[in-house]
PDB file of all heavy atoms in Angstrom:
ATOM      1  N   TYR A   1       0.827  -1.213  -0.009  1.00  0.00           N
ATOM      2  CA  TYR A   1       0.000   0.003   0.000  1.00  0.00           C
ATOM      3  C   TYR A   1       0.868   1.254   0.002  1.00  0.00           C
ATOM      4  O   TYR A   1       0.627   2.196  -0.787  1.00  0.00           O
ATOM      5  CB  TYR A   1      -0.907  -0.042   1.230  1.00  0.00           C
ATOM      6  CG  TYR A   1      -1.741   1.184   1.489  1.00  0.00           C
ATOM      7  CD1 TYR A   1      -2.865   1.447   0.712  1.00  0.00           C
ATOM      8  CD2 TYR A   1      -1.420   2.071   2.514  1.00  0.00           C
ATOM      9  CE1 TYR A   1      -3.644   2.568   0.955  1.00  0.00           C
ATOM     10  CE2 TYR A   1      -2.205   3.198   2.749  1.00  0.00           C
ATOM     11  CZ  TYR A   1      -3.316   3.434   1.971  1.00  0.00           C
ATOM     12  OH  TYR A   1      -4.090   4.538   2.221  1.00  0.00           O
ATOM     13  N   GLU A   2       1.852   1.278   0.844  1.00  0.00           N
ATOM     14  CA  GLU A   2       2.700   2.476   0.974  1.00  0.00           C
ATOM     15  C   GLU A   2       3.598   2.640  -0.262  1.00  0.00           C
ATOM     16  O   GLU A   2       3.951   3.770  -0.628  1.00  0.00           O
ATOM     17  CB  GLU A   2       3.526   2.429   2.248  1.00  0.00           C
ATOM     18  CG  GLU A   2       2.722   2.621   3.535  1.00  0.00           C
ATOM     19  CD  GLU A   2       2.043   3.992   3.590  1.00  0.00           C
ATOM     20  OE1 GLU A   2       2.535   4.924   2.923  1.00  0.00           O
ATOM     21  OE2 GLU A   2       1.043   4.120   4.309  1.00  0.00           O
ATOM     22  N   LEU A   3       3.975   1.560  -0.905  1.00  0.00           N
ATOM     23  CA  LEU A   3       4.762   1.663  -2.126  1.00  0.00           C
ATOM     24  C   LEU A   3       3.908   2.155  -3.298  1.00  0.00           C
ATOM     25  O   LEU A   3       4.399   2.855  -4.190  1.00  0.00           O
ATOM     26  CB  LEU A   3       5.383   0.311  -2.473  1.00  0.00           C
ATOM     27  CG  LEU A   3       6.586  -0.119  -1.640  1.00  0.00           C
ATOM     28  CD1 LEU A   3       6.907  -1.604  -1.855  1.00  0.00           C
ATOM     29  CD2 LEU A   3       7.817   0.722  -2.001  1.00  0.00           C
ATOM     30  N   VAL A   4       2.638   1.760  -3.307  1.00  0.00           N
ATOM     31  CA  VAL A   4       1.764   2.066  -4.416  1.00  0.00           C
ATOM     32  C   VAL A   4       1.155   3.464  -4.333  1.00  0.00           C
ATOM     33  O   VAL A   4       1.026   4.169  -5.339  1.00  0.00           O
ATOM     34  CB  VAL A   4       0.650   0.994  -4.522  1.00  0.00           C
ATOM     35  CG1 VAL A   4      -0.506   1.475  -5.383  1.00  0.00           C
ATOM     36  CG2 VAL A   4       1.200  -0.311  -5.039  1.00  0.00           C
ATOM     37  N   LEU A   5       0.747   3.877  -3.146  1.00  0.00           N
ATOM     38  CA  LEU A   5      -0.044   5.085  -3.005  1.00  0.00           C
ATOM     39  C   LEU A   5       0.628   6.326  -3.626  1.00  0.00           C
ATOM     40  O   LEU A   5      -0.078   7.120  -4.290  1.00  0.00           O
ATOM     41  CB  LEU A   5      -0.380   5.342  -1.537  1.00  0.00           C
ATOM     42  CG  LEU A   5      -1.414   6.423  -1.275  1.00  0.00           C
ATOM     43  CD1 LEU A   5      -2.754   6.091  -1.912  1.00  0.00           C
ATOM     44  CD2 LEU A   5      -1.597   6.653   0.226  1.00  0.00           C
ATOM     45  N   PRO A   6       1.930   6.536  -3.471  1.00  0.00           N
ATOM     46  CA  PRO A   6       2.536   7.710  -4.093  1.00  0.00           C
ATOM     47  C   PRO A   6       2.451   7.717  -5.615  1.00  0.00           C
ATOM     48  O   PRO A   6       2.530   8.788  -6.251  1.00  0.00           O
ATOM     49  CB  PRO A   6       3.998   7.649  -3.634  1.00  0.00           C
ATOM     50  CG  PRO A   6       3.975   6.850  -2.383  1.00  0.00           C
ATOM     51  CD  PRO A   6       2.900   5.817  -2.619  1.00  0.00           C
ATOM     52  N   ARG A   7       2.308   6.546  -6.223  1.00  0.00           N
ATOM     53  CA  ARG A   7       2.226   6.443  -7.686  1.00  0.00           C
ATOM     54  C   ARG A   7       0.794   6.198  -8.176  1.00  0.00           C
ATOM     55  O   ARG A   7       0.602   5.803  -9.321  1.00  0.00           O
ATOM     56  CB  ARG A   7       3.175   5.361  -8.208  1.00  0.00           C
ATOM     57  CG  ARG A   7       4.634   5.644  -7.875  1.00  0.00           C
ATOM     58  CD  ARG A   7       5.579   4.862  -8.761  1.00  0.00           C
ATOM     59  NE  ARG A   7       5.438   5.214 -10.170  1.00  0.00           N
ATOM     60  CZ  ARG A   7       6.009   6.276 -10.740  1.00  0.00           C
ATOM     61  NH1 ARG A   7       6.738   7.122 -10.003  1.00  0.00           N
ATOM     62  NH2 ARG A   7       5.845   6.510 -12.026  1.00  0.00           N
ATOM     63  N   LEU A   8      -0.182   6.381  -7.287  1.00  0.00           N
ATOM     64  CA  LEU A   8      -1.591   6.311  -7.667  1.00  0.00           C
ATOM     65  C   LEU A   8      -2.064   7.716  -7.984  1.00  0.00           C
ATOM     66  O   LEU A   8      -1.811   8.668  -7.246  1.00  0.00           O
ATOM     67  CB  LEU A   8      -2.400   5.738  -6.506  1.00  0.00           C
ATOM     68  CG  LEU A   8      -3.895   5.503  -6.755  1.00  0.00           C
ATOM     69  CD1 LEU A   8      -4.122   4.336  -7.712  1.00  0.00           C
ATOM     70  CD2 LEU A   8      -4.627   5.228  -5.428  1.00  0.00           C
ATOM     71  N   ARG A   9      -2.725   7.877  -9.124  1.00  0.00           N
ATOM     72  CA  ARG A   9      -3.191   9.220  -9.488  1.00  0.00           C
ATOM     73  C   ARG A   9      -4.262   9.680  -8.511  1.00  0.00           C
ATOM     74  O   ARG A   9      -4.957   8.874  -7.872  1.00  0.00           O
ATOM     75  CB  ARG A   9      -3.745   9.205 -10.917  1.00  0.00           C
ATOM     76  CG  ARG A   9      -5.046   8.462 -11.101  1.00  0.00           C
ATOM     77  CD  ARG A   9      -5.697   8.831 -12.407  1.00  0.00           C
ATOM     78  NE  ARG A   9      -6.844   8.014 -12.741  1.00  0.00           N
ATOM     79  CZ  ARG A   9      -8.091   8.214 -12.284  1.00  0.00           C
ATOM     80  NH1 ARG A   9      -8.336   9.202 -11.429  1.00  0.00           N
ATOM     81  NH2 ARG A   9      -9.085   7.418 -12.640  1.00  0.00           N
ATOM     82  N   LYS A  10      -4.444  10.991  -8.427  1.00  0.00           N
ATOM     83  CA  LYS A  10      -5.526  11.549  -7.625  1.00  0.00           C
ATOM     84  C   LYS A  10      -6.862  11.040  -8.162  1.00  0.00           C
ATOM     85  O   LYS A  10      -7.113  11.103  -9.383  1.00  0.00           O
ATOM     86  CB  LYS A  10      -5.479  13.068  -7.677  1.00  0.00           C
ATOM     87  CG  LYS A  10      -6.519  13.730  -6.787  1.00  0.00           C
ATOM     88  CD  LYS A  10      -6.379  15.248  -6.826  1.00  0.00           C
ATOM     89  CE  LYS A  10      -7.414  15.916  -5.945  1.00  0.00           C
ATOM     90  NZ  LYS A  10      -7.306  17.393  -5.979  1.00  0.00           N
ATOM     91  N   GLY A  11      -7.691  10.494  -7.313  1.00  0.00           N
ATOM     92  CA  GLY A  11      -8.947   9.901  -7.731  1.00  0.00           C
ATOM     93  C   GLY A  11      -8.821   8.442  -8.103  1.00  0.00           C
ATOM     94  O   GLY A  11      -9.832   7.780  -8.352  1.00  0.00           O
ATOM     95  N   GLY A  12      -7.572   7.931  -8.175  1.00  0.00           N
ATOM     96  CA  GLY A  12      -7.348   6.523  -8.478  1.00  0.00           C
ATOM     97  C   GLY A  12      -7.828   5.628  -7.352  1.00  0.00           C
ATOM     98  O   GLY A  12      -8.050   6.059  -6.213  1.00  0.00           O
ATOM     99  N   LEU A  13      -7.947   4.333  -7.650  1.00  0.00           N
ATOM    100  CA  LEU A  13      -8.584   3.396  -6.734  1.00  0.00           C
ATOM    101  C   LEU A  13      -7.687   2.199  -6.463  1.00  0.00           C
ATOM    102  O   LEU A  13      -7.144   1.598  -7.384  1.00  0.00           O
ATOM    103  CB  LEU A  13      -9.912   2.908  -7.328  1.00  0.00           C
ATOM    104  CG  LEU A  13     -10.783   1.988  -6.460  1.00  0.00           C
ATOM    105  CD1 LEU A  13     -11.339   2.765  -5.271  1.00  0.00           C
ATOM    106  CD2 LEU A  13     -11.929   1.404  -7.299  1.00  0.00           C
ATOM    107  N   ILE A  14      -7.539   1.876  -5.183  1.00  0.00           N
ATOM    108  CA  ILE A  14      -6.936   0.624  -4.741  1.00  0.00           C
ATOM    109  C   ILE A  14      -8.046  -0.277  -4.214  1.00  0.00           C
ATOM    110  O   ILE A  14      -8.893   0.172  -3.443  1.00  0.00           O
ATOM    111  CB  ILE A  14      -5.898   0.846  -3.621  1.00  0.00           C
ATOM    112  CG1 ILE A  14      -4.729   1.704  -4.124  1.00  0.00           C
ATOM    113  CG2 ILE A  14      -5.372  -0.476  -3.097  1.00  0.00           C
ATOM    114  CD1 ILE A  14      -3.772   2.132  -2.997  1.00  0.00           C
ATOM    115  N   ILE A  15      -8.047  -1.539  -4.656  1.00  0.00           N
ATOM    116  CA  ILE A  15      -8.961  -2.532  -4.100  1.00  0.00           C
ATOM    117  C   ILE A  15      -8.116  -3.596  -3.399  1.00  0.00           C
ATOM    118  O   ILE A  15      -7.267  -4.228  -4.032  1.00  0.00           O
ATOM    119  CB  ILE A  15      -9.817  -3.174  -5.191  1.00  0.00           C
ATOM    120  CG1 ILE A  15     -10.602  -2.119  -5.967  1.00  0.00           C
ATOM    121  CG2 ILE A  15     -10.761  -4.214  -4.586  1.00  0.00           C
ATOM    122  CD1 ILE A  15     -11.409  -2.668  -7.145  1.00  0.00           C
ATOM    123  N   ALA A  16      -8.323  -3.782  -2.114  1.00  0.00           N
ATOM    124  CA  ALA A  16      -7.604  -4.785  -1.343  1.00  0.00           C
ATOM    125  C   ALA A  16      -8.530  -5.955  -1.028  1.00  0.00           C
ATOM    126  O   ALA A  16      -9.640  -5.743  -0.517  1.00  0.00           O
ATOM    127  CB  ALA A  16      -7.045  -4.189  -0.061  1.00  0.00           C
ATOM    128  N   ASP A  17      -8.088  -7.164  -1.320  1.00  0.00           N
ATOM    129  CA  ASP A  17      -8.905  -8.358  -1.156  1.00  0.00           C
ATOM    130  C   ASP A  17      -8.647  -8.995   0.217  1.00  0.00           C
ATOM    131  O   ASP A  17      -7.619  -8.749   0.882  1.00  0.00           O
ATOM    132  CB  ASP A  17      -8.577  -9.366  -2.262  1.00  0.00           C
ATOM    133  CG  ASP A  17      -9.649 -10.432  -2.406  1.00  0.00           C
ATOM    134  OD1 ASP A  17     -10.711 -10.317  -1.759  1.00  0.00           O
ATOM    135  OD2 ASP A  17      -9.415 -11.397  -3.153  1.00  0.00           O
ATOM    136  N   ASN A  18      -9.584  -9.841   0.628  1.00  0.00           N
ATOM    137  CA  ASN A  18      -9.460 -10.670   1.850  1.00  0.00           C
ATOM    138  C   ASN A  18      -9.384  -9.843   3.131  1.00  0.00           C
ATOM    139  O   ASN A  18      -8.784 -10.281   4.110  1.00  0.00           O
ATOM    140  CB  ASN A  18      -8.251 -11.597   1.765  1.00  0.00           C
ATOM    141  CG  ASN A  18      -8.265 -12.498   0.564  1.00  0.00           C
ATOM    142  OD1 ASN A  18      -7.408 -12.385  -0.318  1.00  0.00           O
ATOM    143  ND2 ASN A  18      -9.248 -13.380   0.477  1.00  0.00           N
ATOM    144  N   VAL A  19     -10.019  -8.695   3.161  1.00  0.00           N
ATOM    145  CA  VAL A  19      -9.905  -7.831   4.346  1.00  0.00           C
ATOM    146  C   VAL A  19     -10.807  -8.281   5.487  1.00  0.00           C
ATOM    147  O   VAL A  19     -10.760  -7.705   6.574  1.00  0.00           O
ATOM    148  CB  VAL A  19     -10.159  -6.350   4.007  1.00  0.00           C
ATOM    149  CG1 VAL A  19      -9.056  -5.822   3.099  1.00  0.00           C
ATOM    150  CG2 VAL A  19     -11.519  -6.147   3.344  1.00  0.00           C
ATOM    151  N   LEU A  20     -11.607  -9.318   5.272  1.00  0.00           N
ATOM    152  CA  LEU A  20     -12.325  -9.949   6.380  1.00  0.00           C
ATOM    153  C   LEU A  20     -11.628 -11.223   6.814  1.00  0.00           C
ATOM    154  O   LEU A  20     -11.927 -11.790   7.856  1.00  0.00           O
ATOM    155  CB  LEU A  20     -13.779 -10.266   5.989  1.00  0.00           C
ATOM    156  CG  LEU A  20     -14.672  -9.041   5.732  1.00  0.00           C
ATOM    157  CD1 LEU A  20     -16.069  -9.488   5.264  1.00  0.00           C
ATOM    158  CD2 LEU A  20     -14.793  -8.183   6.990  1.00  0.00           C
ATOM    159  N   PHE A  21     -10.706 -11.688   6.014  1.00  0.00           N
ATOM    160  CA  PHE A  21      -9.889 -12.876   6.229  1.00  0.00           C
ATOM    161  C   PHE A  21     -10.660 -14.027   6.889  1.00  0.00           C
ATOM    162  O   PHE A  21     -10.426 -14.399   8.033  1.00  0.00           O
ATOM    163  CB  PHE A  21      -8.626 -12.554   7.027  1.00  0.00           C
ATOM    164  CG  PHE A  21      -7.566 -13.611   6.808  1.00  0.00           C
ATOM    165  CD1 PHE A  21      -6.909 -13.687   5.603  1.00  0.00           C
ATOM    166  CD2 PHE A  21      -7.285 -14.566   7.784  1.00  0.00           C
ATOM    167  CE1 PHE A  21      -5.962 -14.693   5.351  1.00  0.00           C
ATOM    168  CE2 PHE A  21      -6.341 -15.563   7.555  1.00  0.00           C
ATOM    169  CZ  PHE A  21      -5.685 -15.610   6.352  1.00  0.00           C
ATOM    170  N   HIS A  22     -11.601 -14.545   6.121  1.00  0.00           N
ATOM    171  CA  HIS A  22     -12.375 -15.733   6.526  1.00  0.00           C
ATOM    172  C   HIS A  22     -13.164 -15.497   7.830  1.00  0.00           C
ATOM    173  O   HIS A  22     -13.467 -16.435   8.561  1.00  0.00           O
ATOM    174  CB  HIS A  22     -11.502 -16.960   6.682  1.00  0.00           C
ATOM    175  CG  HIS A  22     -10.477 -17.119   5.598  1.00  0.00           C
ATOM    176  ND1 HIS A  22     -10.802 -17.157   4.263  1.00  0.00           N
ATOM    177  CD2 HIS A  22      -9.120 -17.224   5.658  1.00  0.00           C
ATOM    178  CE1 HIS A  22      -9.676 -17.294   3.543  1.00  0.00           C
ATOM    179  NE2 HIS A  22      -8.675 -17.307   4.362  1.00  0.00           N
ATOM    180  N   GLY A  23     -13.435 -14.235   8.124  1.00  0.00           N
ATOM    181  CA  GLY A  23     -14.135 -13.900   9.343  1.00  0.00           C
ATOM    182  C   GLY A  23     -13.295 -13.816  10.594  1.00  0.00           C
ATOM    183  O   GLY A  23     -13.801 -13.470  11.652  1.00  0.00           O
ATOM    184  N   GLN A  24     -12.001 -14.085  10.458  1.00  0.00           N
ATOM    185  CA  GLN A  24     -11.129 -14.121  11.644  1.00  0.00           C
ATOM    186  C   GLN A  24     -10.954 -12.745  12.265  1.00  0.00           C
ATOM    187  O   GLN A  24     -10.714 -12.628  13.468  1.00  0.00           O
ATOM    188  CB  GLN A  24      -9.786 -14.737  11.305  1.00  0.00           C
ATOM    189  CG  GLN A  24      -9.869 -16.227  10.953  1.00  0.00           C
ATOM    190  CD  GLN A  24      -8.528 -16.818  10.591  1.00  0.00           C
ATOM    191  OE1 GLN A  24      -7.489 -16.405  11.074  1.00  0.00           O
ATOM    192  NE2 GLN A  24      -8.550 -17.802   9.704  1.00  0.00           N
ATOM    193  N   VAL A  25     -11.060 -11.665  11.471  1.00  0.00           N
ATOM    194  CA  VAL A  25     -10.936 -10.322  12.030  1.00  0.00           C
ATOM    195  C   VAL A  25     -12.190  -9.928  12.822  1.00  0.00           C
ATOM    196  O   VAL A  25     -12.174  -8.903  13.531  1.00  0.00           O
ATOM    197  CB  VAL A  25     -10.675  -9.255  10.932  1.00  0.00           C
ATOM    198  CG1 VAL A  25      -9.329  -9.512  10.262  1.00  0.00           C
ATOM    199  CG2 VAL A  25     -11.787  -9.242   9.902  1.00  0.00           C
ATOM    200  N   LEU A  26     -13.248 -10.722  12.737  1.00  0.00           N
ATOM    201  CA  LEU A  26     -14.468 -10.437  13.503  1.00  0.00           C
ATOM    202  C   LEU A  26     -14.438 -11.044  14.887  1.00  0.00           C
ATOM    203  O   LEU A  26     -15.318 -10.765  15.708  1.00  0.00           O
ATOM    204  CB  LEU A  26     -15.686 -10.993  12.727  1.00  0.00           C
ATOM    205  CG  LEU A  26     -15.832 -10.572  11.266  1.00  0.00           C
ATOM    206  CD1 LEU A  26     -17.077 -11.222  10.660  1.00  0.00           C
ATOM    207  CD2 LEU A  26     -15.896  -9.067  11.132  1.00  0.00           C
ATOM    208  N   GLU A  27     -13.452 -11.880  15.143  1.00  0.00           N
ATOM    209  CA  GLU A  27     -13.344 -12.512  16.456  1.00  0.00           C
ATOM    210  C   GLU A  27     -12.993 -11.482  17.528  1.00  0.00           C
ATOM    211  O   GLU A  27     -12.348 -10.465  17.246  1.00  0.00           O
ATOM    212  CB  GLU A  27     -12.290 -13.629  16.434  1.00  0.00           C
ATOM    213  CG  GLU A  27     -12.555 -14.751  15.435  1.00  0.00           C
ATOM    214  CD  GLU A  27     -13.681 -15.669  15.866  1.00  0.00           C
ATOM    215  OE1 GLU A  27     -14.229 -15.471  16.975  1.00  0.00           O
ATOM    216  OE2 GLU A  27     -14.010 -16.595  15.094  1.00  0.00           O
ATOM    217  N   GLU A  28     -13.406 -11.762  18.761  1.00  0.00           N
ATOM    218  CA  GLU A  28     -13.086 -10.848  19.868  1.00  0.00           C
ATOM    219  C   GLU A  28     -11.598 -10.665  20.030  1.00  0.00           C
ATOM    220  O   GLU A  28     -11.096  -9.554  20.288  1.00  0.00           O
ATOM    221  CB  GLU A  28     -13.715 -11.384  21.161  1.00  0.00           C
ATOM    222  CG  GLU A  28     -13.544 -10.426  22.344  1.00  0.00           C
ATOM    223  CD  GLU A  28     -14.324 -10.872  23.557  1.00  0.00           C
ATOM    224  OE1 GLU A  28     -15.245 -11.716  23.407  1.00  0.00           O
ATOM    225  OE2 GLU A  28     -13.995 -10.412  24.645  1.00  0.00           O
ATOM    226  N   GLU A  29     -10.851 -11.759  19.860  1.00  0.00           N
ATOM    227  CA  GLU A  29      -9.386 -11.704  19.868  1.00  0.00           C
ATOM    228  C   GLU A  29      -8.890 -12.215  18.524  1.00  0.00           C
ATOM    229  O   GLU A  29      -9.100 -13.373  18.187  1.00  0.00           O
ATOM    230  CB  GLU A  29      -8.781 -12.553  21.000  1.00  0.00           C
ATOM    231  CG  GLU A  29      -7.267 -12.501  21.034  1.00  0.00           C
ATOM    232  CD  GLU A  29      -6.676 -13.409  22.094  1.00  0.00           C
ATOM    233  OE1 GLU A  29      -7.452 -14.037  22.860  1.00  0.00           O
ATOM    234  OE2 GLU A  29      -5.430 -13.500  22.167  1.00  0.00           O
ATOM    235  N   VAL A  30      -8.268 -11.346  17.736  1.00  0.00           N
ATOM    236  CA  VAL A  30      -7.769 -11.727  16.420  1.00  0.00           C
ATOM    237  C   VAL A  30      -6.483 -12.533  16.606  1.00  0.00           C
ATOM    238  O   VAL A  30      -5.538 -12.083  17.267  1.00  0.00           O
ATOM    239  CB  VAL A  30      -7.495 -10.488  15.563  1.00  0.00           C
ATOM    240  CG1 VAL A  30      -6.946 -10.892  14.197  1.00  0.00           C
ATOM    241  CG2 VAL A  30      -8.783  -9.685  15.376  1.00  0.00           C
TER     242      VAL A  30
END
């Protein structure tokens, strides 16, 4: 993310996958 963002145009879009990671980030203790 930090390597890409400076070279992303203004208004450009990053899509990051697996940000729920099989529901494990929803657990009380990750």
